[in-house]
Each structure stands twice: as structure tokens, then as C-alpha cells.
Protein backbone atom coordinates (compact mmCIF):
# COMPACT_ATOMS: atom_id res chain seq x y z
CA MET A 1 -71.56 -35.08 -88.41
CA VAL A 2 -72.46 -36.61 -85.04
CA GLN A 3 -69.75 -36.18 -82.41
CA ILE A 4 -69.77 -39.73 -81.07
CA GLN A 5 -67.74 -39.08 -77.93
CA ARG A 6 -69.87 -36.09 -76.96
CA LEU A 7 -73.02 -38.12 -77.54
CA LEU A 8 -71.69 -41.05 -75.51
CA ASP A 9 -70.61 -38.78 -72.65
CA GLU A 10 -74.08 -37.22 -72.60
CA PHE A 11 -75.79 -40.59 -72.59
CA MET A 12 -73.53 -41.96 -69.85
CA GLU A 13 -74.20 -38.86 -67.74
CA LEU A 14 -77.97 -39.13 -68.16
CA VAL A 15 -78.28 -42.81 -67.25
CA GLN A 16 -76.41 -42.19 -64.00
CA ILE A 17 -79.10 -39.77 -62.79
CA ASP A 18 -81.58 -41.68 -60.61
CA SER A 19 -85.02 -41.15 -62.16
CA GLU A 20 -87.32 -44.05 -61.46
CA SER A 21 -90.96 -43.09 -62.03
CA GLY A 22 -92.00 -40.65 -59.31
CA ASN A 23 -88.42 -39.54 -58.69
CA GLU A 24 -87.94 -37.23 -61.67
CA ARG A 25 -86.93 -34.04 -59.87
CA GLU A 26 -83.17 -34.24 -60.38
CA ILE A 27 -83.23 -35.19 -64.05
CA CYS A 28 -85.93 -32.62 -64.76
CA ASP A 29 -83.75 -29.87 -63.29
CA ARG A 30 -80.69 -31.14 -65.15
CA LEU A 31 -82.51 -31.21 -68.48
CA HIS A 32 -84.03 -27.79 -67.88
CA ASP A 33 -80.52 -26.44 -67.41
CA LYS A 34 -79.09 -28.23 -70.46
CA LEU A 35 -81.86 -27.07 -72.77
CA SER A 36 -81.71 -23.50 -71.47
CA ARG A 37 -77.95 -23.37 -72.03
CA LEU A 38 -78.57 -24.43 -75.63
CA GLY A 39 -80.70 -21.31 -76.07
CA LEU A 40 -84.15 -22.89 -76.02
CA SER A 41 -87.04 -21.40 -74.09
CA VAL A 42 -87.93 -24.00 -71.47
CA MET A 43 -90.87 -24.38 -69.14
CA GLU A 44 -91.97 -27.01 -66.65
CA ASP A 45 -95.73 -27.45 -66.56
CA ASN A 46 -97.82 -27.73 -63.38
CA SER A 47 -98.77 -31.37 -63.87
CA ALA A 48 -96.86 -32.51 -60.76
CA SER A 49 -99.53 -30.91 -58.57
CA LYS A 50 -102.06 -33.26 -60.15
CA THR A 51 -100.02 -36.41 -60.67
CA GLY A 52 -98.02 -36.51 -57.44
CA LEU A 53 -94.92 -37.38 -59.47
CA GLY A 54 -91.49 -35.93 -58.74
CA ALA A 55 -91.65 -33.20 -61.39
CA GLY A 56 -93.71 -31.83 -64.24
CA ASN A 57 -93.28 -32.24 -67.98
CA LEU A 58 -90.69 -30.12 -69.77
CA ILE A 59 -91.62 -28.21 -72.92
CA ALA A 60 -88.65 -26.66 -74.71
CA THR A 61 -88.94 -24.61 -77.89
CA LEU A 62 -86.30 -24.00 -80.55
CA PRO A 63 -87.22 -20.92 -82.61
CA PRO A 64 -87.49 -21.39 -86.39
CA THR A 65 -84.82 -20.26 -88.83
CA GLN A 66 -87.49 -20.24 -91.56
CA MET A 67 -90.73 -18.43 -90.84
CA TYR A 68 -93.01 -20.58 -93.01
CA ALA A 69 -91.46 -23.97 -92.26
CA THR A 70 -93.58 -26.74 -90.77
CA PRO A 71 -93.56 -26.77 -86.94
CA ILE A 72 -92.93 -30.23 -85.44
CA TYR A 73 -92.20 -31.70 -82.04
CA PHE A 74 -90.22 -34.56 -80.54
CA THR A 75 -91.10 -36.37 -77.33
CA CYS A 76 -89.20 -38.62 -74.92
CA HIS A 77 -89.75 -39.50 -71.27
CA MET A 78 -87.37 -38.84 -68.40
CA ASP A 79 -88.45 -41.62 -66.01
CA THR A 80 -87.19 -45.21 -65.97
CA VAL A 81 -88.43 -48.52 -64.64
CA THR A 82 -86.96 -50.21 -61.58
CA PRO A 83 -84.30 -51.17 -60.65
CA GLY A 84 -83.01 -47.91 -62.03
CA ASN A 85 -81.07 -46.30 -59.17
CA GLY A 86 -77.29 -46.34 -59.02
CA VAL A 87 -76.80 -47.21 -62.69
CA ASN A 88 -73.15 -47.92 -63.49
CA PRO A 89 -72.81 -47.82 -67.28
CA ILE A 90 -69.96 -49.60 -69.01
CA ILE A 91 -68.88 -49.79 -72.64
CA HIS A 92 -68.55 -53.35 -73.83
CA GLY A 93 -67.53 -53.60 -77.46
CA GLU A 94 -70.15 -51.84 -79.56
CA TYR A 95 -72.63 -51.50 -76.70
CA VAL A 96 -73.28 -49.45 -73.59
CA MET A 97 -74.56 -51.70 -70.79
CA SER A 98 -75.24 -51.56 -67.07
CA ASP A 99 -73.08 -53.59 -64.71
CA GLY A 100 -75.92 -56.09 -64.37
CA ARG A 101 -77.37 -54.81 -61.09
CA THR A 102 -79.81 -52.35 -62.67
CA VAL A 103 -81.48 -51.51 -65.94
CA LEU A 104 -79.44 -49.20 -68.15
CA GLY A 105 -82.17 -46.62 -68.69
CA SER A 106 -81.71 -46.29 -72.45
CA ASP A 107 -85.52 -46.37 -72.39
CA ASP A 108 -85.74 -43.44 -72.79
CA LYS A 109 -82.49 -41.63 -72.07
CA ALA A 110 -81.11 -42.73 -75.43
CA GLY A 111 -83.89 -40.65 -76.96
CA ILE A 112 -83.04 -37.66 -74.78
CA ALA A 113 -79.32 -37.91 -75.61
CA ALA A 114 -80.16 -38.10 -79.32
CA LEU A 115 -82.32 -34.97 -79.03
CA LEU A 116 -79.61 -32.98 -77.24
CA GLU A 117 -76.99 -33.98 -79.80
CA GLY A 118 -79.43 -33.17 -82.59
CA ILE A 119 -80.02 -29.67 -81.24
CA ARG A 120 -76.26 -29.03 -81.04
CA LEU A 121 -75.75 -30.23 -84.61
CA LEU A 122 -78.55 -28.03 -85.93
CA GLN A 123 -76.92 -25.02 -84.31
CA GLU A 124 -73.30 -25.85 -85.14
CA GLN A 125 -74.02 -26.67 -88.77
CA ARG A 126 -76.57 -23.85 -89.15
CA ILE A 127 -79.16 -26.18 -90.61
CA GLU A 128 -82.40 -24.49 -91.60
CA HIS A 129 -85.51 -25.66 -89.74
CA GLY A 130 -88.94 -24.64 -88.60
CA LEU A 131 -90.16 -24.23 -85.05
CA ILE A 132 -89.32 -27.37 -83.07
CA GLN A 133 -90.64 -28.32 -79.64
CA PHE A 134 -89.12 -30.93 -77.37
CA ILE A 135 -91.57 -32.41 -74.87
CA ILE A 136 -89.97 -34.58 -72.21
CA THR A 137 -92.56 -36.25 -70.05
CA VAL A 138 -92.71 -37.78 -66.59
CA GLY A 139 -94.39 -40.98 -65.43
CA GLU A 140 -94.50 -42.64 -68.84
CA GLU A 141 -93.54 -46.02 -67.42
CA VAL A 142 -96.43 -46.02 -64.94
CA GLY A 143 -99.31 -45.32 -67.28
CA LEU A 144 -98.32 -42.42 -69.57
CA ILE A 145 -99.29 -40.16 -66.67
CA GLY A 146 -97.29 -37.08 -67.59
CA ALA A 147 -98.57 -36.97 -71.17
CA LYS A 148 -102.15 -37.43 -69.95
CA HIS A 149 -101.82 -34.35 -67.74
CA LEU A 150 -100.09 -32.16 -70.31
CA ASN A 151 -102.09 -29.18 -71.55
CA PRO A 152 -102.43 -29.75 -75.33
CA ALA A 153 -102.62 -26.00 -75.86
CA LEU A 154 -98.89 -25.86 -75.13
CA ILE A 155 -98.13 -27.85 -78.28
CA ARG A 156 -97.64 -25.66 -81.35
CA ALA A 157 -96.55 -28.40 -83.74
CA GLU A 158 -98.44 -29.84 -86.72
CA HIS A 159 -97.15 -33.35 -86.09
CA GLY A 160 -94.50 -35.10 -84.05
CA TYR A 161 -92.27 -38.03 -83.28
CA ALA A 162 -91.83 -40.08 -80.13
CA LEU A 163 -88.32 -41.49 -79.77
CA ASP A 164 -89.31 -44.44 -77.63
CA SER A 165 -89.29 -47.82 -79.38
CA ASN A 166 -86.86 -50.72 -79.16
CA GLY A 167 -86.84 -51.44 -82.88
CA PRO A 168 -83.79 -50.43 -84.92
CA VAL A 169 -83.51 -46.93 -86.35
CA GLY A 170 -85.69 -47.27 -89.43
CA GLU A 171 -88.72 -48.64 -87.62
CA ILE A 172 -91.85 -46.48 -87.70
CA ILE A 173 -94.74 -47.51 -85.48
CA ALA A 174 -97.54 -46.38 -87.76
CA SER A 175 -100.39 -47.96 -85.84
CA CYS A 176 -100.95 -48.92 -82.24
CA ALA A 177 -103.73 -50.71 -80.41
CA ALA A 178 -105.95 -49.08 -77.81
CA HIS A 179 -105.88 -50.30 -74.21
CA MET A 180 -108.80 -50.81 -71.83
CA LYS A 181 -108.25 -51.68 -68.18
CA ALA A 182 -110.90 -53.49 -66.14
CA ARG A 183 -110.98 -53.81 -62.35
CA ILE A 184 -113.56 -56.30 -61.13
CA LYS A 185 -114.44 -56.92 -57.48
CA ILE A 186 -116.48 -60.02 -56.64
CA ARG A 187 -118.44 -60.22 -53.41
CA GLY A 188 -119.46 -63.51 -51.87
CA ARG A 189 -120.17 -64.34 -48.21
CA ALA A 190 -117.71 -65.27 -45.51
CA ALA A 191 -118.09 -68.39 -43.36
CA HIS A 192 -115.88 -70.75 -41.35
CA SER A 193 -114.39 -73.15 -43.86
CA GLY A 194 -114.46 -76.11 -41.45
CA ILE A 195 -117.59 -75.58 -39.35
CA ASN A 196 -120.19 -74.12 -41.74
CA PRO A 197 -118.73 -73.79 -45.27
CA GLU A 198 -122.19 -74.33 -46.82
CA GLU A 199 -123.25 -70.94 -45.47
CA GLY A 200 -120.44 -69.19 -47.35
CA ILE A 201 -120.17 -68.08 -50.96
CA SER A 202 -116.61 -68.24 -52.26
CA ALA A 203 -115.66 -65.16 -54.23
CA ILE A 204 -112.56 -66.98 -55.44
CA GLN A 205 -114.64 -69.84 -56.80
CA ILE A 206 -116.93 -67.41 -58.61
CA ALA A 207 -113.90 -65.66 -60.10
CA SER A 208 -112.37 -68.97 -61.18
CA LYS A 209 -115.55 -70.13 -62.88
CA ALA A 210 -115.89 -66.82 -64.70
CA ILE A 211 -112.27 -66.84 -65.85
CA SER A 212 -112.70 -70.36 -67.24
CA LYS A 213 -115.35 -68.96 -69.61
CA ILE A 214 -113.17 -66.15 -70.96
CA LYS A 215 -110.79 -66.69 -73.84
CA LEU A 216 -107.41 -65.18 -72.95
CA GLY A 217 -104.37 -64.36 -75.03
CA ARG A 218 -104.66 -63.50 -78.72
CA ILE A 219 -108.29 -63.25 -79.78
CA ASP A 220 -107.62 -62.24 -83.39
CA HIS A 221 -104.97 -60.42 -85.41
CA GLU A 222 -105.73 -57.09 -83.70
CA THR A 223 -107.05 -58.02 -80.24
CA THR A 224 -105.63 -59.53 -77.02
CA ILE A 225 -107.08 -60.14 -73.56
CA ASN A 226 -105.16 -60.74 -70.34
CA ILE A 227 -105.95 -61.17 -66.66
CA GLY A 228 -102.85 -59.92 -64.94
CA GLN A 229 -103.80 -59.80 -61.25
CA PHE A 230 -105.99 -61.94 -59.00
CA HIS A 231 -106.28 -61.23 -55.28
CA GLY A 232 -108.69 -62.79 -52.82
CA GLY A 233 -109.30 -64.10 -49.33
CA VAL A 234 -107.89 -63.18 -45.94
CA ALA A 235 -107.18 -66.52 -44.25
CA MET A 236 -107.00 -70.23 -45.01
CA ASN A 237 -109.94 -71.10 -42.75
CA ILE A 238 -112.40 -68.50 -44.05
CA VAL A 239 -114.55 -68.87 -47.14
CA PRO A 240 -113.32 -65.85 -49.12
CA GLU A 241 -115.81 -63.01 -49.19
CA GLU A 242 -113.99 -60.90 -51.76
CA ALA A 243 -111.80 -61.34 -54.81
CA THR A 244 -110.38 -58.70 -57.12
CA ILE A 245 -109.29 -59.16 -60.72
CA VAL A 246 -107.37 -56.65 -62.82
CA ALA A 247 -107.56 -57.33 -66.55
CA GLU A 248 -106.89 -55.66 -69.86
CA VAL A 249 -108.12 -55.68 -73.44
CA ARG A 250 -106.01 -54.35 -76.30
CA SER A 251 -107.28 -53.87 -79.83
CA CYS A 252 -106.65 -51.74 -82.91
CA ASN A 253 -110.42 -51.73 -83.35
CA MET A 254 -112.22 -49.51 -80.83
CA GLU A 255 -115.55 -51.34 -81.29
CA LYS A 256 -113.88 -54.66 -80.52
CA LEU A 257 -112.11 -53.12 -77.55
CA ARG A 258 -115.37 -52.02 -75.94
CA HIS A 259 -117.18 -55.22 -76.94
CA TYR A 260 -114.67 -57.55 -75.32
CA ALA A 261 -114.30 -55.39 -72.21
CA ASP A 262 -118.08 -55.30 -71.74
CA GLN A 263 -118.32 -59.02 -72.45
CA MET A 264 -115.70 -59.79 -69.82
CA VAL A 265 -117.49 -57.75 -67.16
CA GLU A 266 -120.83 -59.33 -68.04
CA THR A 267 -119.34 -62.83 -67.74
CA PHE A 268 -118.29 -62.05 -64.17
CA ARG A 269 -121.69 -60.54 -63.37
CA GLN A 270 -123.68 -63.48 -64.67
CA THR A 271 -121.41 -66.02 -62.99
CA ALA A 272 -121.65 -64.19 -59.67
CA LEU A 273 -125.45 -63.96 -59.99
CA THR A 274 -125.70 -67.70 -60.64
CA HIS A 275 -123.77 -68.48 -57.46
CA GLY A 276 -125.37 -65.90 -55.18
CA GLY A 277 -122.63 -63.32 -55.35
CA ALA A 278 -122.35 -59.81 -56.74
CA VAL A 279 -119.90 -57.81 -58.83
CA GLU A 280 -118.60 -54.24 -58.81
CA ALA A 281 -116.73 -53.35 -61.99
CA GLU A 282 -115.09 -50.35 -63.58
CA THR A 283 -113.38 -50.00 -66.92
CA ASP A 284 -111.04 -47.27 -68.03
CA LEU A 285 -109.63 -46.40 -71.44
CA SER A 286 -105.90 -46.12 -70.80
CA PHE A 287 -105.17 -44.90 -74.30
CA ALA A 288 -106.81 -44.83 -77.72
CA SER A 289 -105.48 -46.41 -80.89
CA PHE A 290 -103.95 -44.65 -83.88
CA GLU A 291 -103.18 -45.61 -87.46
CA TYR A 292 -101.35 -43.86 -90.29
CA THR A 293 -100.52 -44.80 -93.86
CA PRO A 294 -97.51 -43.97 -96.07
CA GLN A 295 -99.63 -41.21 -97.61
CA ASP A 296 -99.85 -39.27 -94.32
CA ALA A 297 -97.41 -36.38 -93.88
CA VAL A 298 -96.11 -37.62 -90.53
CA ILE A 299 -95.07 -40.89 -92.20
CA GLN A 300 -93.80 -39.34 -95.43
CA HIS A 301 -91.46 -37.00 -93.55
CA ALA A 302 -90.13 -39.83 -91.39
CA MET A 303 -89.50 -42.06 -94.41
CA THR A 304 -87.67 -39.31 -96.27
CA ALA A 305 -85.53 -38.50 -93.24
CA LEU A 306 -84.62 -42.15 -92.70
CA LYS A 307 -83.55 -42.57 -96.31
CA THR A 308 -81.44 -39.42 -95.94
CA ILE A 309 -79.40 -41.07 -93.18
CA GLY A 310 -79.04 -44.33 -95.07
CA ARG A 311 -81.70 -46.40 -93.32
CA GLU A 312 -84.55 -48.18 -95.06
CA PRO A 313 -87.82 -47.25 -93.34
CA PHE A 314 -90.34 -49.92 -92.43
CA LEU A 315 -93.79 -49.56 -90.88
CA ILE A 316 -95.10 -51.80 -88.11
CA SER A 317 -98.13 -52.13 -85.86
CA THR A 318 -97.90 -52.77 -82.14
CA ALA A 319 -100.09 -53.33 -79.10
CA GLY A 320 -97.63 -51.63 -76.77
CA GLY A 321 -98.64 -48.10 -75.85
CA SER A 322 -96.47 -44.99 -75.59
CA ASP A 323 -96.91 -41.25 -75.15
CA ALA A 324 -97.60 -41.17 -78.90
CA ASN A 325 -101.04 -42.62 -78.17
CA ILE A 326 -101.85 -39.73 -75.86
CA PHE A 327 -100.60 -37.03 -78.22
CA ASN A 328 -102.65 -38.56 -81.03
CA SER A 329 -105.73 -38.32 -78.82
CA TYR A 330 -105.02 -34.57 -78.64
CA GLY A 331 -105.38 -34.43 -82.42
CA ILE A 332 -101.66 -34.10 -83.15
CA PRO A 333 -100.45 -36.78 -85.60
CA THR A 334 -97.61 -38.62 -83.89
CA VAL A 335 -95.72 -41.83 -84.59
CA ASN A 336 -93.17 -43.69 -82.51
CA LEU A 337 -89.69 -44.30 -83.93
CA GLY A 338 -87.19 -47.07 -83.24
CA LEU A 339 -84.02 -46.22 -81.31
CA GLY A 340 -82.42 -49.65 -81.34
CA TYR A 341 -82.06 -50.32 -77.62
CA GLU A 342 -82.18 -53.98 -76.65
CA LYS A 343 -83.51 -56.09 -73.73
CA ILE A 344 -85.18 -53.07 -72.14
CA HIS A 345 -86.72 -53.32 -68.67
CA THR A 346 -84.15 -55.97 -67.71
CA THR A 347 -80.73 -55.85 -66.08
CA GLU A 348 -79.31 -57.13 -69.40
CA GLU A 349 -80.40 -53.98 -71.22
CA ARG A 350 -77.91 -52.59 -73.71
CA MET A 351 -77.65 -49.72 -76.18
CA PRO A 352 -75.82 -50.20 -79.50
CA ILE A 353 -73.56 -47.20 -79.99
CA GLN A 354 -74.18 -47.18 -83.73
CA GLU A 355 -77.96 -46.94 -83.20
CA LEU A 356 -77.51 -44.11 -80.72
CA SER A 357 -75.54 -42.20 -83.33
CA LYS A 358 -78.12 -42.93 -86.04
CA ALA A 359 -80.90 -41.72 -83.74
CA ALA A 360 -79.14 -38.36 -83.41
CA GLU A 361 -78.74 -38.21 -87.20
CA LEU A 362 -82.45 -38.91 -87.55
CA VAL A 363 -83.35 -35.99 -85.28
CA VAL A 364 -81.34 -33.66 -87.51
CA ALA A 365 -82.82 -35.12 -90.71
CA LEU A 366 -86.36 -34.75 -89.41
CA ALA A 367 -85.67 -31.19 -88.32
CA ALA A 368 -84.25 -30.37 -91.74
CA GLN A 369 -87.45 -31.70 -93.32
CA THR A 370 -89.35 -28.86 -91.68
CA ALA A 371 -87.42 -26.33 -93.75
CA THR A 372 -89.47 -27.19 -96.81
CA VAL A 373 -91.53 -24.06 -97.22
CA LYS A 374 -95.28 -24.70 -97.27
CA GLU A 375 -97.25 -23.83 -100.31
CA ILE A 376 -99.26 -20.85 -99.14
CA ALA A 377 -102.05 -19.41 -101.17
CA VAL A 378 -101.96 -15.66 -100.73
CA THR A 379 -104.85 -13.54 -101.92
CA THR A 380 -103.93 -9.90 -102.26
CA ASP A 381 -106.66 -7.29 -102.21
CA ARG A 382 -105.20 -4.23 -103.91
CA SER A 383 -107.93 -1.98 -102.59
CA ASP A 384 -107.11 -2.98 -99.00
CA GLN A 385 -103.46 -2.11 -99.61
CA LEU A 386 -104.40 1.26 -101.07
CA ALA A 387 -106.75 1.94 -98.21
CA GLY A 388 -103.85 1.60 -95.80
CA VAL A 389 -101.65 4.08 -97.65
């Protein structure tokens, strides 16, 4: 049985720790201490030396109570978006909210609170389970940076669950689109805009003409394109020599992802060539897609656990990335689960207390699923046994 007050106190404590992306040191140390006190072996990896973030990722391991049970892992992230400093949480009816000056930070401290409560319940109620790892990452909100710099060899689990979605407890993100980022720099030629504009080549004009040829928004049921940033020029009276565009393509289909990203870059190149300019472009795969069906073990276990706690599971697809995308790219089946927080990344963010409690129940139910002993085929060679006598 979840101890609601203990869970609430934990959550309220966590959200009051300043931990905007890049400033994870304090919460990392606090979590290291909490997990160690619960008897887990805890390590902080060396990713901070590569990422420049405030701390490394935490990997905590709870030993199995059953030797042959399935090893799994849970993941959350310790950083928050801005404005996330000086959070003053208040309980308003059935919700925990901020006072309106900051985000609440339930993304993803609700997940962390649920994990900590889940660990306590497993221990207090002596619930059988396999080996469980808890991976709490840094820099998730600024590009999944911590997960990208985690050494996959540290993960001993067969599959795992990210607690990091705003859907209600019951939601399973079974598929997620890939994300490609494109940075395009257009070079024209500077000139005085009033004295000799005909000698200039406007990089902004080239960019504008190219953009007018690109379909933006939803391309089809599994693909979107967006141009999110456009910078150019240095002064009103100078024909702009440079313009920079930052764009993205998201698709569940990797072939479409590459096709549309390449097509976008080529549109800028051809338009620049036509008008006497030039283009420098680079594309980067931010994260790959993943897709699972109800027949996959990672989904089956989640559905069973959800039904155990009285929630009807439902599968969805999304184009929003999470650390689950990165862990899947390491070859570890991972899905993202709903926690129920609302209006995230805004100062109106709120966490339903009932969903927080259900999230903790779900952690316990998923852990208990691991206690199902695997079917192991054992071949015994009698002669080998005799030889050792």
C-alpha cells in the first residue's frame, strides 16, 4: 500500500531542489544519498566530463530476491526546464502545483518520487523481484544529452521503462518518431542597401524563397517538418550576407526522415545557386525511432502490471522524443509510460496526487512481474558431473 503522505513529502522535497538543465549537482548528490540509504549500490558515471553538465548520470542497482528473475530497469531524468529555480509547491485540492512563478518540475521529479516510493514498498512488503536498475539521467530537457553519453555496458537489464510522459497512468508509448536536425547557413554578398544594392546578394531573400518551396507542418500521418529558427543580417542598411536556418524533420519511417531532410537541404542549395549564393549544411540524427507491438515482452509486462493496479492499458504513438529513444538505440527494448502530470513546461503545471500514487503502484507491479522465473532449458551431461567427482 502506497504511503501517500510519505510520497507527497518526497515529491515536495524534490521539486524544491533547483535543477535546471546544467545545474544538476545538488539533486544528483541528494539522490545518490537517498538511494544509498535504501541499500542500493549507486554510481555516478563520468559523462559530466564530456557533456559539461552539472553532474553525471546515476545508475543504482537493487539486487534480485530471485536469481532467475528477469532483470529490468527504470529511467527518469533529474533536470528540469526553466523557470525551475525557487519552486514553491502548494497543494490545491487534488493537485500539487507551483505558486505560478515557476514550473513545478513534475517532469520528471514525479517519476523519481514514484521510483523511491516503489523501492521502499518492495523492501517493506518483501515483494519478490529480479535485478532492477534505476538510471536517472542529466540533460534530458536539452537534447537527451545524459542518455547519449551513458555507457550502455552499464545496463544489465533485458528491457526497461521510462517514467516520463504526460499521459495518465495507463498510457504506454509503444512507438516514437525519429528526429533529424538540420542547420543550414546561406551565404550571399554584402552591399550598401541604399547606394549599390544591385551588387549584393541577399541571403535572407534566398532563404525566404527556399522556405516558400518547402511544405511545413504535417506531411503525412507519420512525418512532420518545422523551421524553428531563422537568423540573418547585421544592420538595416546592409544587404545581408548570411542567414542561418535551424529546422527539424520527425518521422516514424527512417527512410522518409532521411528523404525529407535531404530534400530540404537540396532545396536551399538549388535556390542559393539560382541566385548566386552558396549553402553550408549539416544534418544530425538526434534520436532514432522505435516501435513495439502488444506481442513484445516489454509491452506485455507493462499491460499486465497496469491491469494489476486497476488501470486499463492503452498504446499510443508520439513524435516527442525521450530517453527511451536513446536506450532503444542501445538495443535495450524500452517504452515510455504515462505519469499523469499536466501542463508541463509551463508555470501552470500541476501533478494529480492520485496519478502520483498510481505511478508508485505501477513501479511495484512492474518489479513484481520480474519475479516470474524464466523457462530455462538445462542440459545435464552426466559424464561431466562424474568427471568432477
